[in-house]
C-alpha cells in the first residue's frame, strides 16, 4: 500500500496492510510493523483503535516497552495528554532502577528496568508495546509496574497496588503468554477477529 494512500472506507485494521514481512531470516521477527508508523493516517487510526476500549477509563500515565513500544506508547500518551514512561532494556538508565529478568519471543534471556521515581501507588498505567507474541516481555513490564506501585496499607491490612489500567499492542497473539495477559488485564489490539488465526500462525 502506498504511504500516501488513504482508503475511502477505513475499517479497523486497514493499516495492517502497510506492515512488511520478514525478508532477512529466522533471527528477525516474522513481520515488521514500522512502515505503518510512516503513514500519517495509519498511525492515527492505529492509536485510536488501541484506545477505543479504554474510553472513559482512568489512565494516569502510559508506559512503552523498549524499543518499538516507545513509538506507539508515546503517540498514545500524546493523544491522551498524559505522561510517558520508558521501560528500558537493562544498562541504559543512569538513575536508580528496579530490574526484571525475562525471556523474549526469540527465547533470549534479557533484563528490563524502569526508574523508581516515576510510579507511585494508585497510578493507573496503560502498558503499550508493538507486539505481544509469547507474552514474556509484557509480563515482565507488568511485574515491574506492580512491584513499584505496591505499598502496605495497615488499615485494613491490604496491599495497595499500582494496577495496570490495561495492555495495548498492534497484536496480542493467542499464545500461552498472550492468554495469561488477556485473562488478567483489560487488553486492546488492532487485529480483526477473522484475521487473528493468521497472525497466530504468522501468515
N, C-alpha and C. Protein backbone atom coordinates (compact mmCIF):
# COMPACT_ATOMS: atom_id res chain seq x y z
N UNK A 1 0.84 -1.19 0.00
CA UNK A 1 0.00 0.00 0.00
C UNK A 1 0.88 1.25 0.00
N UNK A 2 0.51 2.22 -0.81
CA UNK A 2 1.24 3.49 -0.90
C UNK A 2 1.15 4.23 0.43
N UNK A 3 2.25 4.86 0.84
CA UNK A 3 2.27 5.57 2.12
C UNK A 3 1.45 6.86 2.09
N UNK A 4 0.98 7.26 0.92
CA UNK A 4 0.11 8.43 0.83
C UNK A 4 -1.36 8.05 0.65
N UNK A 5 -1.62 6.77 0.39
CA UNK A 5 -2.98 6.34 0.11
C UNK A 5 -3.78 6.18 1.39
N UNK A 6 -5.00 6.71 1.39
CA UNK A 6 -5.94 6.52 2.48
C UNK A 6 -7.22 5.95 1.88
N UNK A 7 -7.62 4.75 2.26
CA UNK A 7 -8.84 4.16 1.67
C UNK A 7 -10.09 4.94 2.06
N UNK A 8 -11.08 4.89 1.19
CA UNK A 8 -12.31 5.63 1.44
C UNK A 8 -13.02 5.10 2.67
N UNK A 9 -13.05 3.77 2.83
CA UNK A 9 -13.67 3.15 4.00
C UNK A 9 -12.54 2.64 4.90
N UNK A 10 -12.36 3.32 6.03
CA UNK A 10 -11.25 2.97 6.92
C UNK A 10 -11.77 2.05 8.03
N UNK A 11 -11.90 0.77 7.72
CA UNK A 11 -12.33 -0.19 8.72
C UNK A 11 -11.18 -0.50 9.68
N UNK A 12 -11.53 -0.98 10.86
CA UNK A 12 -10.50 -1.31 11.83
C UNK A 12 -9.47 -2.25 11.21
N UNK A 13 -8.22 -1.87 11.34
CA UNK A 13 -7.13 -2.71 10.86
C UNK A 13 -6.74 -2.48 9.42
N UNK A 14 -7.33 -1.50 8.73
CA UNK A 14 -6.99 -1.28 7.32
C UNK A 14 -5.49 -1.04 7.14
N UNK A 15 -4.89 -0.44 8.15
CA UNK A 15 -3.48 -0.06 8.10
C UNK A 15 -2.54 -1.25 8.27
N UNK A 16 -3.06 -2.43 8.61
CA UNK A 16 -2.21 -3.60 8.77
C UNK A 16 -1.53 -3.99 7.46
N UNK A 17 -2.15 -3.63 6.33
CA UNK A 17 -1.55 -3.92 5.03
C UNK A 17 -0.26 -3.14 4.80
N UNK A 18 -0.01 -2.13 5.62
CA UNK A 18 1.22 -1.36 5.48
C UNK A 18 2.43 -2.09 6.05
N UNK A 19 2.20 -3.11 6.87
CA UNK A 19 3.31 -3.80 7.51
C UNK A 19 4.06 -4.67 6.50
N UNK A 20 5.34 -4.92 6.77
CA UNK A 20 6.19 -5.63 5.82
C UNK A 20 6.61 -6.98 6.39
N UNK A 21 6.62 -8.02 5.55
CA UNK A 21 7.07 -9.35 6.02
C UNK A 21 8.58 -9.40 6.18
N UNK A 22 9.03 -10.34 6.99
CA UNK A 22 10.45 -10.57 7.21
C UNK A 22 11.10 -11.11 5.93
N UNK A 23 12.19 -10.47 5.49
CA UNK A 23 12.95 -10.96 4.33
C UNK A 23 14.39 -11.30 4.72
N UNK A 24 14.68 -11.28 6.04
CA UNK A 24 16.06 -11.47 6.49
C UNK A 24 16.29 -12.75 7.28
N UNK A 25 15.28 -13.59 7.42
CA UNK A 25 15.52 -14.88 8.04
C UNK A 25 15.10 -15.00 9.48
N UNK A 26 15.38 -16.17 10.09
CA UNK A 26 14.83 -16.53 11.41
C UNK A 26 15.35 -15.73 12.59
N UNK A 27 16.40 -14.97 12.41
CA UNK A 27 16.91 -14.15 13.52
C UNK A 27 16.10 -12.87 13.73
N UNK A 28 15.10 -12.65 12.88
CA UNK A 28 14.28 -11.45 12.95
C UNK A 28 12.83 -11.82 13.22
N UNK A 29 12.06 -10.84 13.68
CA UNK A 29 10.63 -11.06 13.86
C UNK A 29 9.99 -11.38 12.51
N UNK A 30 8.86 -12.09 12.55
CA UNK A 30 8.25 -12.55 11.30
C UNK A 30 7.60 -11.43 10.49
N UNK A 31 7.35 -10.30 11.14
CA UNK A 31 6.66 -9.18 10.48
C UNK A 31 7.18 -7.88 11.07
N UNK A 32 7.35 -6.88 10.22
CA UNK A 32 7.85 -5.58 10.68
C UNK A 32 6.75 -4.52 10.55
N UNK A 33 6.19 -4.07 11.69
CA UNK A 33 5.13 -3.06 11.64
C UNK A 33 5.62 -1.62 11.42
N UNK A 34 6.93 -1.38 11.41
CA UNK A 34 7.41 0.00 11.48
C UNK A 34 7.00 0.85 10.27
N UNK A 35 6.72 0.23 9.13
CA UNK A 35 6.27 1.01 7.97
C UNK A 35 4.90 1.65 8.23
N UNK A 36 4.10 0.99 9.05
CA UNK A 36 2.80 1.54 9.43
C UNK A 36 2.95 2.92 10.06
N UNK A 37 4.02 3.10 10.87
CA UNK A 37 4.21 4.36 11.58
C UNK A 37 4.57 5.51 10.65
N UNK A 38 4.99 5.17 9.43
CA UNK A 38 5.34 6.21 8.46
C UNK A 38 4.11 6.82 7.79
N UNK A 39 2.97 6.17 7.94
CA UNK A 39 1.73 6.62 7.29
C UNK A 39 0.95 7.48 8.28
N UNK A 40 0.77 8.77 8.01
CA UNK A 40 0.12 9.66 8.99
C UNK A 40 -1.25 9.18 9.46
N UNK A 41 -2.14 8.83 8.52
CA UNK A 41 -3.48 8.40 8.90
C UNK A 41 -3.45 7.01 9.51
N UNK A 42 -2.56 6.17 9.01
CA UNK A 42 -2.45 4.82 9.56
C UNK A 42 -2.06 4.84 11.02
N UNK A 43 -1.07 5.65 11.37
CA UNK A 43 -0.64 5.75 12.76
C UNK A 43 -1.76 6.31 13.63
N UNK A 44 -2.45 7.34 13.15
CA UNK A 44 -3.54 7.93 13.93
C UNK A 44 -4.65 6.91 14.18
N UNK A 45 -5.01 6.16 13.14
CA UNK A 45 -6.11 5.20 13.28
C UNK A 45 -5.69 4.02 14.15
N UNK A 46 -4.43 3.62 14.08
CA UNK A 46 -3.94 2.54 14.93
C UNK A 46 -4.04 2.94 16.40
N UNK A 47 -3.61 4.14 16.74
CA UNK A 47 -3.69 4.61 18.12
C UNK A 47 -5.14 4.73 18.56
N UNK A 48 -5.99 5.24 17.68
CA UNK A 48 -7.41 5.38 18.02
C UNK A 48 -8.04 4.02 18.30
N UNK A 49 -7.69 3.01 17.50
CA UNK A 49 -8.23 1.67 17.72
C UNK A 49 -7.73 1.08 19.04
N UNK A 50 -6.45 1.33 19.36
CA UNK A 50 -5.91 0.85 20.63
C UNK A 50 -6.63 1.46 21.82
N UNK A 51 -6.99 2.72 21.70
CA UNK A 51 -7.59 3.44 22.82
C UNK A 51 -9.10 3.24 22.94
N UNK A 52 -9.74 2.76 21.89
CA UNK A 52 -11.20 2.68 21.90
C UNK A 52 -11.75 1.90 23.10
N UNK A 53 -11.19 0.74 23.46
CA UNK A 53 -11.75 0.01 24.61
C UNK A 53 -11.54 0.71 25.95
N UNK A 54 -10.65 1.70 25.99
CA UNK A 54 -10.35 2.38 27.25
C UNK A 54 -11.06 3.73 27.37
N UNK A 55 -11.99 4.02 26.45
CA UNK A 55 -12.71 5.28 26.52
C UNK A 55 -13.42 5.41 27.87
N UNK A 56 -13.15 6.49 28.57
CA UNK A 56 -13.78 6.72 29.86
C UNK A 56 -13.04 6.10 31.03
N UNK A 57 -12.03 5.27 30.76
CA UNK A 57 -11.27 4.65 31.84
C UNK A 57 -10.26 5.65 32.42
N UNK A 58 -10.01 5.59 33.71
CA UNK A 58 -8.99 6.47 34.30
C UNK A 58 -7.59 5.96 33.95
N UNK A 59 -6.83 6.76 33.23
CA UNK A 59 -5.45 6.44 32.88
C UNK A 59 -4.59 7.64 33.28
N UNK A 60 -3.58 7.38 34.11
CA UNK A 60 -2.73 8.46 34.61
C UNK A 60 -1.43 8.60 33.83
N UNK A 61 -0.96 7.50 33.23
CA UNK A 61 0.32 7.51 32.54
C UNK A 61 0.35 6.37 31.54
N UNK A 62 1.15 6.54 30.49
CA UNK A 62 1.36 5.48 29.51
C UNK A 62 2.80 5.03 29.63
N UNK A 63 3.03 3.72 29.64
CA UNK A 63 4.37 3.16 29.66
C UNK A 63 4.59 2.37 28.37
N UNK A 64 5.72 2.63 27.72
CA UNK A 64 6.07 1.92 26.50
C UNK A 64 7.32 1.08 26.71
N UNK A 65 7.38 -0.05 26.02
CA UNK A 65 8.45 -1.03 26.24
C UNK A 65 9.50 -0.91 25.13
N UNK A 66 10.73 -0.88 25.54
CA UNK A 66 11.91 -0.77 24.67
C UNK A 66 11.92 -1.89 23.62
N UNK A 67 12.04 -1.57 22.33
CA UNK A 67 12.20 -0.22 21.86
C UNK A 67 11.00 0.24 21.04
N UNK A 68 10.40 -0.67 20.26
CA UNK A 68 9.34 -0.23 19.35
C UNK A 68 8.08 0.19 20.10
N UNK A 69 7.92 -0.27 21.32
CA UNK A 69 6.79 0.19 22.12
C UNK A 69 6.88 1.66 22.47
N UNK A 70 8.07 2.25 22.32
CA UNK A 70 8.21 3.68 22.56
C UNK A 70 7.40 4.49 21.55
N UNK A 71 7.33 4.00 20.31
CA UNK A 71 6.64 4.75 19.25
C UNK A 71 5.14 4.79 19.53
N UNK A 72 4.53 3.61 19.66
CA UNK A 72 3.10 3.56 19.93
C UNK A 72 2.76 4.17 21.29
N UNK A 73 3.62 3.91 22.28
CA UNK A 73 3.35 4.42 23.62
C UNK A 73 3.38 5.93 23.69
N UNK A 74 4.39 6.53 23.07
CA UNK A 74 4.49 7.99 23.08
C UNK A 74 3.34 8.62 22.29
N UNK A 75 2.98 8.01 21.15
CA UNK A 75 1.85 8.53 20.37
C UNK A 75 0.55 8.43 21.17
N UNK A 76 0.38 7.33 21.89
CA UNK A 76 -0.82 7.15 22.72
C UNK A 76 -0.85 8.16 23.86
N UNK A 77 0.30 8.38 24.51
CA UNK A 77 0.36 9.36 25.59
C UNK A 77 0.02 10.75 25.10
N UNK A 78 0.49 11.09 23.89
CA UNK A 78 0.22 12.42 23.34
C UNK A 78 -1.28 12.61 23.09
N UNK A 79 -1.94 11.56 22.57
CA UNK A 79 -3.38 11.65 22.33
C UNK A 79 -4.13 11.81 23.65
N UNK A 80 -3.70 11.08 24.67
CA UNK A 80 -4.37 11.13 25.98
C UNK A 80 -3.97 12.36 26.80
N UNK A 81 -2.92 13.06 26.33
CA UNK A 81 -2.35 14.19 27.08
C UNK A 81 -1.89 13.74 28.47
N UNK A 82 -1.18 12.61 28.47
CA UNK A 82 -0.62 12.05 29.69
C UNK A 82 0.89 11.92 29.55
N UNK A 83 1.56 11.69 30.68
CA UNK A 83 3.00 11.48 30.64
C UNK A 83 3.34 10.11 30.08
N UNK A 84 4.62 9.97 29.66
CA UNK A 84 5.10 8.72 29.07
C UNK A 84 6.28 8.20 29.87
N UNK A 85 6.25 6.92 30.23
CA UNK A 85 7.32 6.27 30.97
C UNK A 85 7.96 5.22 30.08
N UNK A 86 9.29 5.31 29.92
CA UNK A 86 10.03 4.34 29.12
C UNK A 86 10.49 3.19 30.00
N UNK A 87 10.09 1.97 29.63
CA UNK A 87 10.59 0.76 30.28
C UNK A 87 11.73 0.25 29.41
N UNK A 88 12.97 0.30 29.94
CA UNK A 88 14.16 0.12 29.13
C UNK A 88 14.78 -1.25 29.27
N UNK A 89 15.52 -1.65 28.24
CA UNK A 89 16.43 -2.78 28.38
C UNK A 89 17.53 -2.37 29.34
N UNK A 90 18.03 -3.31 30.12
CA UNK A 90 18.97 -3.00 31.19
C UNK A 90 20.24 -2.33 30.65
N UNK A 91 20.75 -1.38 31.46
CA UNK A 91 22.02 -0.76 31.15
C UNK A 91 21.95 0.59 30.49
N UNK A 92 20.74 1.13 30.31
CA UNK A 92 20.60 2.41 29.62
C UNK A 92 20.20 3.57 30.53
N UNK A 93 19.75 3.28 31.74
CA UNK A 93 19.28 4.34 32.63
C UNK A 93 20.35 4.64 33.68
N UNK A 94 20.67 5.93 33.84
CA UNK A 94 21.73 6.34 34.77
C UNK A 94 21.17 6.77 36.11
N UNK A 95 19.94 6.39 36.40
CA UNK A 95 19.30 6.73 37.68
C UNK A 95 18.96 5.43 38.40
N UNK A 96 18.44 5.54 39.61
CA UNK A 96 18.07 4.35 40.37
C UNK A 96 16.93 3.62 39.66
N UNK A 97 17.10 2.29 39.53
CA UNK A 97 16.11 1.50 38.80
C UNK A 97 15.77 0.23 39.57
N UNK A 98 14.70 -0.42 39.13
CA UNK A 98 14.39 -1.78 39.57
C UNK A 98 14.38 -2.63 38.30
N UNK A 99 14.91 -3.86 38.41
CA UNK A 99 15.11 -4.71 37.23
C UNK A 99 14.25 -5.96 37.29
N UNK A 100 13.97 -6.51 36.10
CA UNK A 100 13.18 -7.73 36.00
C UNK A 100 13.71 -8.58 34.85
N UNK A 101 14.17 -9.81 35.11
CA UNK A 101 14.59 -10.68 34.01
C UNK A 101 13.39 -11.24 33.26
N UNK A 102 13.60 -11.57 31.99
CA UNK A 102 12.52 -12.14 31.18
C UNK A 102 13.12 -12.86 29.99
N UNK A 103 12.29 -13.62 29.31
CA UNK A 103 12.66 -14.30 28.07
C UNK A 103 11.83 -13.71 26.95
N UNK A 104 12.48 -13.21 25.88
CA UNK A 104 11.73 -12.57 24.80
C UNK A 104 11.18 -13.61 23.82
N UNK A 105 10.55 -13.13 22.75
CA UNK A 105 9.87 -14.00 21.81
C UNK A 105 10.82 -14.97 21.10
N UNK A 106 12.11 -14.61 21.04
CA UNK A 106 13.08 -15.47 20.35
C UNK A 106 13.75 -16.46 21.30
N UNK A 107 13.37 -16.42 22.59
CA UNK A 107 13.95 -17.32 23.57
C UNK A 107 15.20 -16.79 24.24
N UNK A 108 15.57 -15.55 23.95
CA UNK A 108 16.77 -14.96 24.57
C UNK A 108 16.46 -14.43 25.96
N UNK A 109 17.38 -14.70 26.89
CA UNK A 109 17.24 -14.20 28.25
C UNK A 109 17.71 -12.75 28.31
N UNK A 110 16.86 -11.88 28.85
CA UNK A 110 17.18 -10.46 28.91
C UNK A 110 16.74 -9.90 30.27
N UNK A 111 17.05 -8.63 30.48
CA UNK A 111 16.63 -7.93 31.69
C UNK A 111 16.09 -6.56 31.27
N UNK A 112 14.95 -6.16 31.83
CA UNK A 112 14.45 -4.80 31.60
C UNK A 112 14.40 -4.07 32.93
N UNK A 113 14.42 -2.76 32.86
CA UNK A 113 14.40 -1.97 34.08
C UNK A 113 13.61 -0.69 33.88
N UNK A 114 13.21 -0.12 35.01
CA UNK A 114 12.44 1.11 34.98
C UNK A 114 12.90 1.99 36.15
N UNK A 115 12.87 3.28 35.96
CA UNK A 115 13.26 4.20 37.02
C UNK A 115 12.29 4.10 38.18
N UNK A 116 12.78 4.35 39.37
CA UNK A 116 11.97 4.17 40.57
C UNK A 116 11.24 5.43 41.01
N UNK A 117 11.48 6.56 40.35
CA UNK A 117 10.92 7.82 40.83
C UNK A 117 9.71 8.31 40.03
N UNK A 118 9.15 7.45 39.18
CA UNK A 118 8.04 7.90 38.32
C UNK A 118 6.71 7.26 38.68
N UNK A 119 6.72 6.13 39.36
CA UNK A 119 5.49 5.40 39.66
C UNK A 119 5.20 5.47 41.14
N UNK A 120 3.99 5.83 41.47
CA UNK A 120 3.56 5.86 42.87
C UNK A 120 2.29 5.04 43.02
N UNK A 121 2.01 4.54 44.22
CA UNK A 121 0.82 3.71 44.43
C UNK A 121 -0.46 4.40 43.98
N UNK A 122 -1.30 3.63 43.33
CA UNK A 122 -2.59 4.14 42.89
C UNK A 122 -2.62 4.66 41.46
N UNK A 123 -1.45 4.85 40.83
CA UNK A 123 -1.44 5.30 39.44
C UNK A 123 -2.02 4.22 38.53
N UNK A 124 -2.77 4.64 37.54
CA UNK A 124 -3.32 3.72 36.55
C UNK A 124 -2.49 3.86 35.28
N UNK A 125 -1.74 2.82 34.95
CA UNK A 125 -0.78 2.89 33.86
C UNK A 125 -1.20 1.99 32.71
N UNK A 126 -1.26 2.56 31.52
CA UNK A 126 -1.55 1.79 30.31
C UNK A 126 -0.22 1.35 29.71
N UNK A 127 -0.02 0.03 29.63
CA UNK A 127 1.22 -0.53 29.10
C UNK A 127 1.07 -0.80 27.61
N UNK A 128 2.02 -0.28 26.83
CA UNK A 128 1.93 -0.39 25.38
C UNK A 128 3.21 -0.99 24.81
N UNK A 129 3.07 -1.96 23.93
CA UNK A 129 4.19 -2.49 23.17
C UNK A 129 3.74 -2.67 21.73
N UNK A 130 4.70 -2.89 20.85
CA UNK A 130 4.35 -3.06 19.45
C UNK A 130 3.62 -4.37 19.21
N UNK A 131 4.07 -5.44 19.89
CA UNK A 131 3.56 -6.79 19.61
C UNK A 131 3.66 -7.62 20.87
N UNK A 132 2.70 -8.49 21.11
CA UNK A 132 2.79 -9.47 22.19
C UNK A 132 2.74 -10.84 21.52
N UNK A 133 3.88 -11.52 21.49
CA UNK A 133 3.95 -12.84 20.85
C UNK A 133 3.89 -13.93 21.91
N UNK A 134 4.97 -14.16 22.63
CA UNK A 134 4.95 -15.15 23.71
C UNK A 134 4.46 -14.55 25.02
N UNK A 135 4.48 -13.23 25.12
CA UNK A 135 3.99 -12.56 26.33
C UNK A 135 5.04 -12.33 27.40
N UNK A 136 6.25 -12.85 27.20
CA UNK A 136 7.28 -12.72 28.24
C UNK A 136 7.70 -11.29 28.51
N UNK A 137 7.86 -10.51 27.46
CA UNK A 137 8.28 -9.11 27.63
C UNK A 137 7.21 -8.30 28.34
N UNK A 138 5.96 -8.43 27.90
CA UNK A 138 4.87 -7.67 28.51
C UNK A 138 4.65 -8.10 29.96
N UNK A 139 4.75 -9.38 30.22
CA UNK A 139 4.55 -9.86 31.59
C UNK A 139 5.61 -9.28 32.52
N UNK A 140 6.85 -9.19 32.05
CA UNK A 140 7.92 -8.59 32.86
C UNK A 140 7.63 -7.12 33.13
N UNK A 141 7.12 -6.41 32.13
CA UNK A 141 6.79 -5.00 32.31
C UNK A 141 5.66 -4.83 33.33
N UNK A 142 4.67 -5.71 33.25
CA UNK A 142 3.57 -5.67 34.22
C UNK A 142 4.11 -5.88 35.63
N UNK A 143 5.00 -6.85 35.78
CA UNK A 143 5.56 -7.13 37.10
C UNK A 143 6.36 -5.95 37.64
N UNK A 144 7.09 -5.26 36.77
CA UNK A 144 7.82 -4.07 37.21
C UNK A 144 6.87 -3.00 37.73
N UNK A 145 5.82 -2.74 36.97
CA UNK A 145 4.85 -1.72 37.37
C UNK A 145 4.20 -2.09 38.70
N UNK A 146 3.81 -3.33 38.84
CA UNK A 146 3.13 -3.73 40.07
C UNK A 146 4.08 -3.73 41.26
N UNK A 147 5.33 -4.13 41.05
CA UNK A 147 6.30 -4.11 42.15
C UNK A 147 6.56 -2.70 42.64
N UNK A 148 6.70 -1.76 41.73
CA UNK A 148 6.99 -0.39 42.12
C UNK A 148 5.82 0.28 42.81
N UNK A 149 4.61 -0.12 42.44
CA UNK A 149 3.45 0.56 42.99
C UNK A 149 2.90 -0.05 44.25
N UNK A 150 3.46 -1.16 44.74
CA UNK A 150 2.91 -1.83 45.90
C UNK A 150 3.32 -1.19 47.21
N UNK A 151 2.35 -0.95 48.08
CA UNK A 151 2.64 -0.42 49.41
C UNK A 151 1.57 -0.94 50.37
N UNK A 152 1.98 -1.30 51.57
CA UNK A 152 1.01 -1.84 52.53
C UNK A 152 0.23 -0.73 53.21
N UNK A 153 -1.09 -0.90 53.20
CA UNK A 153 -1.99 -0.02 53.94
C UNK A 153 -2.35 -0.78 55.23
N UNK A 154 -1.89 -0.28 56.37
CA UNK A 154 -2.04 -1.04 57.62
C UNK A 154 -3.47 -1.05 58.15
N UNK A 155 -4.36 -0.34 57.52
CA UNK A 155 -5.78 -0.44 57.89
C UNK A 155 -6.59 -0.35 56.62
N UNK A 156 -7.14 -1.46 56.15
CA UNK A 156 -7.39 -2.73 56.85
C UNK A 156 -6.42 -3.84 56.44
N UNK A 157 -5.14 -3.58 56.42
CA UNK A 157 -4.12 -4.59 56.11
C UNK A 157 -4.30 -5.17 54.70
N UNK A 158 -4.36 -4.30 53.74
CA UNK A 158 -4.45 -4.74 52.35
C UNK A 158 -3.29 -4.13 51.58
N UNK A 159 -2.97 -4.77 50.46
CA UNK A 159 -1.88 -4.28 49.62
C UNK A 159 -2.46 -3.38 48.54
N UNK A 160 -2.07 -2.10 48.57
CA UNK A 160 -2.50 -1.16 47.53
C UNK A 160 -1.50 -1.24 46.39
N UNK A 161 -1.95 -1.52 45.19
CA UNK A 161 -1.06 -1.69 44.06
C UNK A 161 -1.21 -0.58 43.05
N UNK A 162 -0.12 -0.34 42.33
CA UNK A 162 -0.19 0.46 41.12
C UNK A 162 -0.65 -0.51 40.03
N UNK A 163 -1.92 -0.51 39.72
CA UNK A 163 -2.51 -1.53 38.86
C UNK A 163 -2.47 -1.08 37.40
N UNK A 164 -1.99 -1.95 36.48
CA UNK A 164 -2.07 -1.58 35.08
C UNK A 164 -3.51 -1.29 34.67
N UNK A 165 -3.71 -0.14 34.03
CA UNK A 165 -5.04 0.19 33.52
C UNK A 165 -5.40 -0.71 32.34
N UNK A 166 -4.38 -1.26 31.71
CA UNK A 166 -4.61 -2.15 30.58
C UNK A 166 -3.35 -2.36 29.79
N UNK A 167 -3.48 -3.18 28.74
CA UNK A 167 -2.37 -3.53 27.87
C UNK A 167 -2.81 -3.29 26.43
N UNK A 168 -1.97 -2.59 25.67
CA UNK A 168 -2.26 -2.32 24.27
C UNK A 168 -1.11 -2.71 23.37
N UNK A 169 -1.41 -3.30 22.21
CA UNK A 169 -0.40 -3.67 21.23
C UNK A 169 -1.09 -3.78 19.86
N UNK A 170 -0.31 -3.71 18.80
CA UNK A 170 -0.89 -3.94 17.49
C UNK A 170 -1.52 -5.32 17.44
N UNK A 171 -0.80 -6.31 17.98
CA UNK A 171 -1.32 -7.68 18.02
C UNK A 171 -0.98 -8.33 19.34
N UNK A 172 -1.93 -9.02 19.93
CA UNK A 172 -1.69 -9.91 21.05
C UNK A 172 -2.02 -11.31 20.56
N UNK A 173 -0.99 -12.11 20.35
CA UNK A 173 -1.19 -13.44 19.79
C UNK A 173 -1.85 -14.38 20.80
N UNK A 174 -2.51 -15.38 20.26
CA UNK A 174 -3.19 -16.36 21.12
C UNK A 174 -2.20 -17.45 21.56
N UNK A 175 -1.15 -17.01 22.22
CA UNK A 175 -0.14 -17.91 22.78
C UNK A 175 -0.46 -18.13 24.25
N UNK A 176 0.28 -19.00 24.90
CA UNK A 176 0.06 -19.23 26.33
C UNK A 176 0.25 -17.92 27.11
N UNK A 177 1.33 -17.18 26.78
CA UNK A 177 1.57 -15.92 27.45
C UNK A 177 0.55 -14.86 27.11
N UNK A 178 0.12 -14.83 25.85
CA UNK A 178 -0.92 -13.89 25.45
C UNK A 178 -2.22 -14.13 26.18
N UNK A 179 -2.57 -15.41 26.34
CA UNK A 179 -3.80 -15.74 27.07
C UNK A 179 -3.68 -15.38 28.55
N UNK A 180 -2.50 -15.60 29.13
CA UNK A 180 -2.28 -15.23 30.53
C UNK A 180 -2.56 -13.74 30.74
N UNK A 181 -2.10 -12.92 29.83
CA UNK A 181 -2.31 -11.47 29.95
C UNK A 181 -3.78 -11.12 29.76
N UNK A 182 -4.41 -11.71 28.74
CA UNK A 182 -5.82 -11.41 28.45
C UNK A 182 -6.74 -11.79 29.61
N UNK A 183 -6.40 -12.89 30.29
CA UNK A 183 -7.25 -13.36 31.39
C UNK A 183 -7.18 -12.46 32.61
N UNK A 184 -6.13 -11.67 32.74
CA UNK A 184 -5.90 -10.90 33.96
C UNK A 184 -6.01 -9.39 33.80
N UNK A 185 -5.92 -8.90 32.56
CA UNK A 185 -5.88 -7.46 32.35
C UNK A 185 -6.77 -7.08 31.17
N UNK A 186 -7.27 -5.87 31.21
CA UNK A 186 -8.02 -5.35 30.09
C UNK A 186 -7.05 -5.12 28.93
N UNK A 187 -7.38 -5.66 27.77
CA UNK A 187 -6.45 -5.63 26.64
C UNK A 187 -7.10 -5.02 25.40
N UNK A 188 -6.24 -4.46 24.55
CA UNK A 188 -6.70 -3.93 23.28
C UNK A 188 -5.64 -4.19 22.22
N UNK A 189 -6.09 -4.62 21.05
CA UNK A 189 -5.17 -4.71 19.93
C UNK A 189 -5.94 -4.48 18.64
N UNK A 190 -5.24 -4.49 17.52
CA UNK A 190 -5.80 -3.98 16.27
C UNK A 190 -6.17 -5.05 15.25
N UNK A 191 -6.05 -6.31 15.60
CA UNK A 191 -6.30 -7.38 14.63
C UNK A 191 -7.78 -7.75 14.64
N UNK A 192 -8.47 -7.61 13.49
CA UNK A 192 -9.88 -8.04 13.44
C UNK A 192 -9.99 -9.54 13.74
N UNK A 193 -11.07 -9.98 14.38
CA UNK A 193 -11.20 -11.39 14.78
C UNK A 193 -10.99 -12.39 13.64
N UNK A 194 -11.46 -12.07 12.43
CA UNK A 194 -11.34 -13.04 11.34
C UNK A 194 -9.90 -13.19 10.86
N UNK A 195 -9.02 -12.23 11.20
CA UNK A 195 -7.62 -12.34 10.82
C UNK A 195 -6.74 -12.90 11.94
N UNK A 196 -7.26 -12.98 13.16
CA UNK A 196 -6.45 -13.41 14.29
C UNK A 196 -5.78 -14.76 14.07
N UNK A 197 -6.46 -15.78 13.54
CA UNK A 197 -5.78 -17.07 13.35
C UNK A 197 -4.56 -16.98 12.43
N UNK A 198 -4.63 -16.13 11.42
CA UNK A 198 -3.50 -15.98 10.51
C UNK A 198 -2.31 -15.36 11.24
N UNK A 199 -2.58 -14.39 12.09
CA UNK A 199 -1.49 -13.76 12.84
C UNK A 199 -0.93 -14.72 13.88
N UNK A 200 -1.79 -15.54 14.48
CA UNK A 200 -1.30 -16.53 15.45
C UNK A 200 -0.32 -17.51 14.79
N UNK A 201 -0.57 -17.81 13.50
CA UNK A 201 0.27 -18.76 12.78
C UNK A 201 1.33 -18.06 11.93
N UNK A 202 1.47 -16.76 12.13
CA UNK A 202 2.50 -15.96 11.42
C UNK A 202 2.38 -16.10 9.90
N UNK A 203 1.16 -15.86 9.44
CA UNK A 203 0.90 -15.92 8.00
C UNK A 203 0.60 -14.51 7.48
